[in-house]
Amino acid sequence: MLAQCTDHDCGEKRYIPHSCGHRNCPHCQNHENQQWIENQLDKRLPAEYYLATFTLPRQLRALTWRHQKIVYSLMFDCVQETLKTFTRNDKKLGGAAGFTAILHTHSRELEYHPHIHVVMPAASINMLTRLWKKKAGYLFNERALAKVFRAKMLEALVDQGLKLPGDCPEKWIVHCKNVGNGDKAIIYLGKYLYRGVIQEKDILRCEDGMVTFRYLHAKSKKYKTRTVTGEKFLYLLMLHILPKGFRRIRCYGFLHPCSKKLIKLLQLILRVIPFRMLASRQKKRPAITCPICGAKMKIIQTQILLPLVA
C-alpha cells in the first residue's frame, strides 16, 4: 500500500506491506486481541471467578494429533457438559452455568500439550425464575471434575470409533483456582488468542542453523532458554496450527453471545457498572503515522506484487 502524509508541508510517501490477516500473527491481530479482552471484561458479573484447566494425558496426545478436529471438538463438548452438570447439581448453585472456554495446544517449551482453560464465575441463574445464585470460597472438587471429564471424554472417543491406547491412565488432571473478579485471568488468556505461540522478542538467536528461544518456567517463574535446530523450531510451530475454520474460543450458558440482553439485565439488577462505562471508550484501530513529522497518513494506492517469472 502506498501511504501519504496528510500534512501538506510534509507530503511524505511510504510503501507499507499489506497485513497478512492471519489469526496467529501478533502484528495483524493486536487490535482484535484488545477488542476481545474488552468485550469479556464488559460481561463480568458480581461473583468470584475461577480458572479451571482441563488437560488431556500424555498417552492421548498422539491420537489427538492424528484426529485434531474431532478430538478438540469432543474436548469442548465434554468440558461444557461437565461444568453444566456440576453447576446444575450443586446445592448452592442449582442452575444454569456461564463460562468461556479457550483451547491451548502448547506448553511453555512449545511442546504439544492440548488443554482447555475455562474462566467461570461461581454463580448460576435459574432460567425459569430468573433467580441469581452464587457461592464463595470454593467452586468444585478438582478430583471429581477430572473423574467425570475422563469418563465423558473416553466414552466420546469410543463413540467416534477411535482406538484408545492401552496405557491410558486412570488419573487425569484438572486444576481449579480462584482468580478474584476475573479481570487478570481474562487479560492473561486474551494475550494468547490472536498471536502465535511465541513472541518475536523471545527468539534470542538464529545462528548456524540453530534457534535459541526463551520461555518462562512455570514453577520457578524465571526465564529459561532452549536451543533447537531450525527444522525442529519450525516443527514446534507447525504443531499448534489449528484445523482450518476451527474456533479456539467458545462461550456457554448465560455468557453466550446470544445472551447479551440477559447479561445487561443482570448488570442492571445487580448494580454493576459495565467495563465500557468505566473506560473512556473502546480503542480504535491505531492510525498509520508519518515517520517524519508524526502526522496521520492515508492510503492513496494499493497494489498486489506478483512473483517474478524467470
Protein backbone atom coordinates (compact mmCIF):
# COMPACT_ATOMS: atom_id res chain seq x y z
CA MET A 1 0.00 0.00 0.00
CA LEU A 2 1.19 3.50 -0.76
CA ALA A 3 0.53 5.88 2.14
CA GLN A 4 0.87 9.66 2.04
CA CYS A 5 1.21 12.09 4.93
CA THR A 6 -1.82 14.34 5.39
CA ASP A 7 0.37 17.27 6.38
CA HIS A 8 0.66 19.40 3.24
CA ASP A 9 4.05 20.76 4.31
CA CYS A 10 5.42 17.23 4.63
CA GLY A 11 3.71 15.08 1.99
CA GLU A 12 5.92 12.08 2.77
CA LYS A 13 5.06 8.90 0.84
CA ARG A 14 5.88 5.39 2.06
CA TYR A 15 5.14 1.88 0.87
CA ILE A 16 3.59 -0.27 3.61
CA PRO A 17 3.16 -4.05 3.30
CA HIS A 18 -0.35 -5.48 3.41
CA SER A 19 -1.50 -7.11 6.63
CA CYS A 20 -1.45 -10.89 6.37
CA GLY A 21 -4.61 -11.11 8.50
CA HIS A 22 -3.63 -14.49 9.93
CA ARG A 23 -5.16 -15.26 13.33
CA ASN A 24 -1.76 -16.26 14.72
CA CYS A 25 0.06 -13.10 13.64
CA PRO A 26 0.94 -10.88 16.65
CA HIS A 27 1.18 -7.78 14.46
CA CYS A 28 -2.04 -8.06 12.47
CA GLN A 29 -4.32 -9.22 15.28
CA ASN A 30 -3.27 -6.90 18.10
CA HIS A 31 -6.38 -4.73 17.74
CA GLU A 32 -8.70 -7.76 17.64
CA ASN A 33 -6.97 -9.08 20.75
CA GLN A 34 -7.71 -5.88 22.66
CA GLN A 35 -11.31 -5.88 21.44
CA TRP A 36 -11.87 -9.42 22.72
CA ILE A 37 -10.47 -8.56 26.15
CA GLU A 38 -12.71 -5.50 26.42
CA ASN A 39 -15.77 -7.50 25.35
CA GLN A 40 -15.10 -10.13 28.02
CA LEU A 41 -14.46 -7.54 30.72
CA ASP A 42 -17.72 -5.85 29.76
CA LYS A 43 -19.63 -9.10 30.55
CA ARG A 44 -18.31 -9.53 34.08
CA LEU A 45 -20.83 -10.11 36.83
CA PRO A 46 -20.59 -9.72 40.65
CA ALA A 47 -19.21 -13.12 41.66
CA GLU A 48 -15.94 -14.85 42.40
CA TYR A 49 -14.28 -16.08 39.23
CA TYR A 50 -12.35 -19.32 38.81
CA LEU A 51 -9.84 -20.51 36.24
CA ALA A 52 -10.25 -24.23 35.51
CA THR A 53 -7.84 -26.15 33.30
CA PHE A 54 -8.77 -29.50 31.71
CA THR A 55 -5.74 -31.39 30.36
CA LEU A 56 -5.52 -34.48 28.16
CA PRO A 57 -2.98 -37.03 29.44
CA ARG A 58 0.25 -37.64 27.55
CA GLN A 59 -0.92 -41.06 26.35
CA LEU A 60 -3.72 -39.49 24.26
CA ARG A 61 -1.65 -36.82 22.51
CA ALA A 62 -0.69 -38.99 19.53
CA LEU A 63 -4.36 -39.87 18.97
CA THR A 64 -5.32 -36.22 19.33
CA TRP A 65 -2.73 -35.12 16.78
CA ARG A 66 -3.99 -37.61 14.18
CA HIS A 67 -7.64 -36.55 14.64
CA GLN A 68 -7.35 -32.93 15.76
CA LYS A 69 -10.69 -31.55 14.67
CA ILE A 70 -12.64 -34.45 16.16
CA VAL A 71 -10.80 -34.62 19.48
CA TYR A 72 -10.69 -30.84 20.00
CA SER A 73 -14.44 -30.65 19.42
CA LEU A 74 -15.01 -33.53 21.84
CA MET A 75 -12.89 -31.75 24.45
CA PHE A 76 -15.10 -28.67 24.24
CA ASP A 77 -18.26 -30.78 24.42
CA CYS A 78 -17.10 -32.81 27.42
CA VAL A 79 -15.84 -29.74 29.31
CA GLN A 80 -19.12 -27.90 28.87
CA GLU A 81 -21.20 -30.95 29.80
CA THR A 82 -19.09 -31.49 32.92
CA LEU A 83 -19.32 -27.91 34.16
CA LYS A 84 -23.02 -27.57 33.35
CA THR A 85 -23.78 -30.81 35.19
CA PHE A 86 -21.78 -29.79 38.27
CA THR A 87 -23.43 -26.36 38.35
CA ARG A 88 -26.92 -27.80 37.94
CA ASN A 89 -26.40 -30.41 40.70
CA ASP A 90 -24.60 -28.11 43.14
CA LYS A 91 -26.62 -27.40 46.30
CA LYS A 92 -25.71 -23.70 46.43
CA LEU A 93 -25.94 -23.02 42.71
CA GLY A 94 -28.51 -25.37 41.22
CA GLY A 95 -28.99 -23.52 37.95
CA ALA A 96 -27.54 -22.74 34.53
CA ALA A 97 -23.82 -22.05 34.32
CA GLY A 98 -21.96 -19.46 32.24
CA PHE A 99 -18.31 -19.68 31.22
CA THR A 100 -15.76 -19.05 28.49
CA ALA A 101 -13.55 -21.90 27.24
CA ILE A 102 -10.27 -21.44 25.35
CA LEU A 103 -8.22 -24.18 23.68
CA HIS A 104 -4.44 -24.17 24.01
CA THR A 105 -2.23 -26.78 22.38
CA HIS A 106 1.25 -25.79 23.56
CA SER A 107 3.32 -25.88 26.70
CA ARG A 108 5.77 -23.14 27.64
CA GLU A 109 8.53 -25.12 25.90
CA LEU A 110 6.36 -25.24 22.72
CA GLU A 111 5.74 -28.98 23.04
CA TYR A 112 2.36 -30.47 22.09
CA HIS A 113 0.14 -30.21 25.17
CA PRO A 114 -3.60 -29.87 24.38
CA HIS A 115 -5.69 -28.41 27.20
CA ILE A 116 -8.67 -26.13 27.72
CA HIS A 117 -8.77 -23.12 30.03
CA VAL A 118 -12.15 -22.08 31.42
CA VAL A 119 -12.92 -18.72 33.03
CA MET A 120 -16.09 -19.18 35.05
CA PRO A 121 -17.97 -17.16 37.69
CA ALA A 122 -19.09 -19.13 40.75
CA ALA A 123 -22.70 -18.25 40.02
CA SER A 124 -25.76 -19.55 38.21
CA ILE A 125 -29.16 -18.39 37.07
CA ASN A 126 -32.49 -20.23 37.04
CA MET A 127 -33.81 -19.70 33.52
CA LEU A 128 -37.41 -20.11 34.70
CA THR A 129 -37.47 -17.97 37.85
CA ARG A 130 -34.51 -15.71 36.87
CA LEU A 131 -33.09 -16.33 40.35
CA TRP A 132 -29.39 -15.42 40.61
CA LYS A 133 -27.27 -17.57 42.94
CA LYS A 134 -23.58 -17.52 43.80
CA LYS A 135 -21.10 -19.17 46.15
CA ALA A 136 -17.82 -18.03 47.68
CA GLY A 137 -14.50 -19.62 48.60
CA TYR A 138 -14.93 -22.82 46.60
CA LEU A 139 -16.23 -23.91 43.23
CA PHE A 140 -15.97 -27.66 42.55
CA ASN A 141 -13.75 -30.53 43.66
CA GLU A 142 -10.87 -30.96 41.23
CA ARG A 143 -10.74 -34.76 41.55
CA ALA A 144 -14.46 -35.04 40.89
CA LEU A 145 -14.17 -32.79 37.84
CA ALA A 146 -11.29 -34.87 36.50
CA LYS A 147 -13.13 -38.14 37.05
CA VAL A 148 -16.29 -37.02 35.26
CA PHE A 149 -14.34 -35.35 32.45
CA ARG A 150 -12.30 -38.53 31.92
CA ALA A 151 -15.42 -40.72 31.73
CA LYS A 152 -17.17 -38.40 29.27
CA MET A 153 -14.08 -37.99 27.11
CA LEU A 154 -13.27 -41.69 26.83
CA GLU A 155 -16.89 -42.54 26.05
CA ALA A 156 -16.99 -39.87 23.35
CA LEU A 157 -13.75 -41.12 21.77
CA VAL A 158 -15.08 -44.69 21.64
CA ASP A 159 -18.37 -43.49 20.14
CA GLN A 160 -16.35 -41.83 17.35
CA GLY A 161 -14.72 -45.16 16.56
CA LEU A 162 -11.24 -44.07 17.71
CA LYS A 163 -8.97 -46.72 19.18
CA LEU A 164 -7.78 -45.84 22.69
CA PRO A 165 -4.21 -46.61 23.79
CA GLY A 166 -3.79 -49.49 26.20
CA ASP A 167 -1.85 -47.41 28.73
CA CYS A 168 -4.48 -44.70 29.22
CA PRO A 169 -4.10 -43.57 32.86
CA GLU A 170 -6.82 -43.81 35.49
CA LYS A 171 -5.98 -40.41 36.96
CA TRP A 172 -6.43 -37.26 34.91
CA ILE A 173 -5.55 -33.70 35.95
CA VAL A 174 -7.94 -30.76 36.34
CA HIS A 175 -6.86 -27.56 38.09
CA CYS A 176 -9.34 -25.05 39.50
CA LYS A 177 -8.21 -21.88 41.27
CA ASN A 178 -9.80 -18.64 42.43
CA VAL A 179 -8.90 -15.60 40.27
CA GLY A 180 -10.83 -12.87 42.09
CA ASN A 181 -13.06 -10.79 39.85
CA GLY A 182 -11.65 -12.46 36.74
CA ASP A 183 -10.04 -9.47 35.07
CA LYS A 184 -6.44 -10.71 35.35
CA ALA A 185 -7.37 -14.19 34.08
CA ILE A 186 -9.23 -12.70 31.09
CA ILE A 187 -6.31 -10.42 30.20
CA TYR A 188 -3.81 -13.27 30.63
CA LEU A 189 -5.73 -15.64 28.35
CA GLY A 190 -6.58 -12.89 25.89
CA LYS A 191 -2.92 -12.31 25.14
CA TYR A 192 -2.61 -15.85 23.74
CA LEU A 193 -5.59 -15.71 21.39
CA TYR A 194 -4.53 -13.55 18.47
CA ARG A 195 -0.83 -14.22 18.21
CA GLY A 196 1.44 -17.16 17.60
CA VAL A 197 2.73 -19.49 20.27
CA ILE A 198 5.90 -17.42 20.69
CA GLN A 199 6.66 -13.71 20.51
CA GLU A 200 9.48 -12.37 18.38
CA LYS A 201 11.22 -10.89 21.43
CA ASP A 202 11.52 -14.40 22.90
CA ILE A 203 13.54 -15.64 19.90
CA LEU A 204 17.02 -14.77 21.11
CA ARG A 205 19.34 -16.12 18.40
CA CYS A 206 19.26 -17.76 14.99
CA GLU A 207 22.81 -18.75 14.05
CA ASP A 208 24.42 -21.65 12.18
CA GLY A 209 21.08 -23.37 11.65
CA MET A 210 20.24 -23.32 15.37
CA VAL A 211 17.46 -21.32 17.04
CA THR A 212 17.56 -20.27 20.70
CA PHE A 213 14.40 -19.06 22.39
CA ARG A 214 13.39 -18.34 25.95
CA TYR A 215 10.33 -19.29 27.98
CA LEU A 216 9.07 -18.56 31.47
CA HIS A 217 9.33 -21.62 33.69
CA ALA A 218 6.01 -22.36 35.41
CA LYS A 219 7.38 -23.22 38.87
CA SER A 220 10.47 -21.05 39.24
CA LYS A 221 8.92 -18.06 37.39
CA LYS A 222 12.32 -17.48 35.81
CA TYR A 223 13.24 -17.41 32.13
CA LYS A 224 14.98 -20.46 30.70
CA THR A 225 16.38 -20.99 27.22
CA ARG A 226 16.08 -23.82 24.74
CA THR A 227 18.18 -24.34 21.61
CA VAL A 228 16.93 -26.50 18.72
CA THR A 229 17.67 -26.86 15.03
CA GLY A 230 15.84 -24.59 12.61
CA GLU A 231 13.85 -27.56 11.31
CA LYS A 232 12.86 -28.56 14.83
CA PHE A 233 11.79 -24.99 15.63
CA LEU A 234 9.54 -24.85 12.56
CA TYR A 235 8.14 -28.25 13.51
CA LEU A 236 7.28 -26.97 17.00
CA LEU A 237 5.44 -24.01 15.49
CA MET A 238 3.52 -26.16 13.00
CA LEU A 239 2.31 -28.42 15.80
CA HIS A 240 0.00 -25.67 17.05
CA ILE A 241 -1.71 -24.54 13.84
CA LEU A 242 -5.37 -25.38 14.34
CA PRO A 243 -7.51 -27.05 11.65
CA LYS A 244 -8.92 -24.63 9.11
CA GLY A 245 -12.00 -22.82 10.40
CA PHE A 246 -11.73 -24.23 13.93
CA ARG A 247 -12.66 -21.79 16.71
CA ARG A 248 -10.43 -21.89 19.78
CA ILE A 249 -12.79 -19.67 21.87
CA ARG A 250 -16.33 -20.66 22.86
CA CYS A 251 -18.77 -19.13 25.35
CA TYR A 252 -21.55 -21.07 27.01
CA GLY A 253 -24.64 -20.53 29.14
CA PHE A 254 -25.52 -17.02 30.22
CA LEU A 255 -22.17 -15.76 28.83
CA HIS A 256 -23.04 -16.91 25.29
CA PRO A 257 -23.08 -14.08 22.70
CA CYS A 258 -26.84 -14.65 22.27
CA SER A 259 -27.39 -13.75 25.96
CA LYS A 260 -26.42 -10.07 25.71
CA LYS A 261 -29.83 -8.87 26.90
CA LEU A 262 -29.72 -11.24 29.88
CA ILE A 263 -26.24 -10.01 30.86
CA LYS A 264 -27.31 -6.36 30.66
CA LEU A 265 -30.41 -7.15 32.74
CA LEU A 266 -28.31 -8.88 35.41
CA GLN A 267 -25.86 -5.98 35.49
CA LEU A 268 -28.76 -3.55 35.91
CA ILE A 269 -30.43 -5.54 38.70
CA LEU A 270 -27.16 -6.30 40.49
CA ARG A 271 -25.97 -2.69 40.07
CA VAL A 272 -22.85 -3.50 38.11
CA ILE A 273 -21.22 -0.75 36.08
CA PRO A 274 -20.10 -2.26 32.74
CA PHE A 275 -16.44 -2.01 31.84
CA ARG A 276 -17.08 0.24 28.83
CA MET A 277 -18.77 2.80 31.05
CA LEU A 278 -15.72 2.88 33.31
CA ALA A 279 -13.32 3.12 30.40
CA SER A 280 -13.33 6.26 28.28
CA ARG A 281 -14.32 4.44 25.09
CA GLN A 282 -13.33 1.42 23.09
CA LYS A 283 -9.94 1.89 21.49
CA LYS A 284 -9.96 2.44 17.76
CA ARG A 285 -7.59 0.75 15.38
CA PRO A 286 -4.22 2.58 15.52
CA ALA A 287 -3.73 5.04 12.69
CA ILE A 288 -0.72 4.99 10.36
CA THR A 289 1.56 7.84 11.36
CA CYS A 290 4.23 9.60 9.33
CA PRO A 291 7.77 8.66 10.43
CA ILE A 292 8.98 12.16 9.52
CA CYS A 293 6.50 14.54 11.16
CA GLY A 294 4.21 12.22 13.12
CA ALA A 295 1.02 13.30 11.33
CA LYS A 296 -1.64 10.85 10.18
CA MET A 297 -1.10 9.09 6.86
CA LYS A 298 -3.77 7.92 4.41
CA ILE A 299 -3.72 5.12 1.85
CA ILE A 300 -3.71 6.55 -1.67
CA GLN A 301 -2.92 3.40 -3.66
CA THR A 302 -2.98 -0.37 -3.23
CA GLN A 303 -1.35 -2.96 -5.41
CA ILE A 304 -0.52 -6.66 -5.45
CA LEU A 305 3.08 -7.62 -6.10
CA LEU A 306 3.25 -10.68 -8.34
CA PRO A 307 6.26 -13.03 -8.18
CA LEU A 308 8.78 -12.67 -10.97
CA VAL A 309 8.75 -15.43 -13.57
CA ALA A 310 12.12 -16.45 -14.96
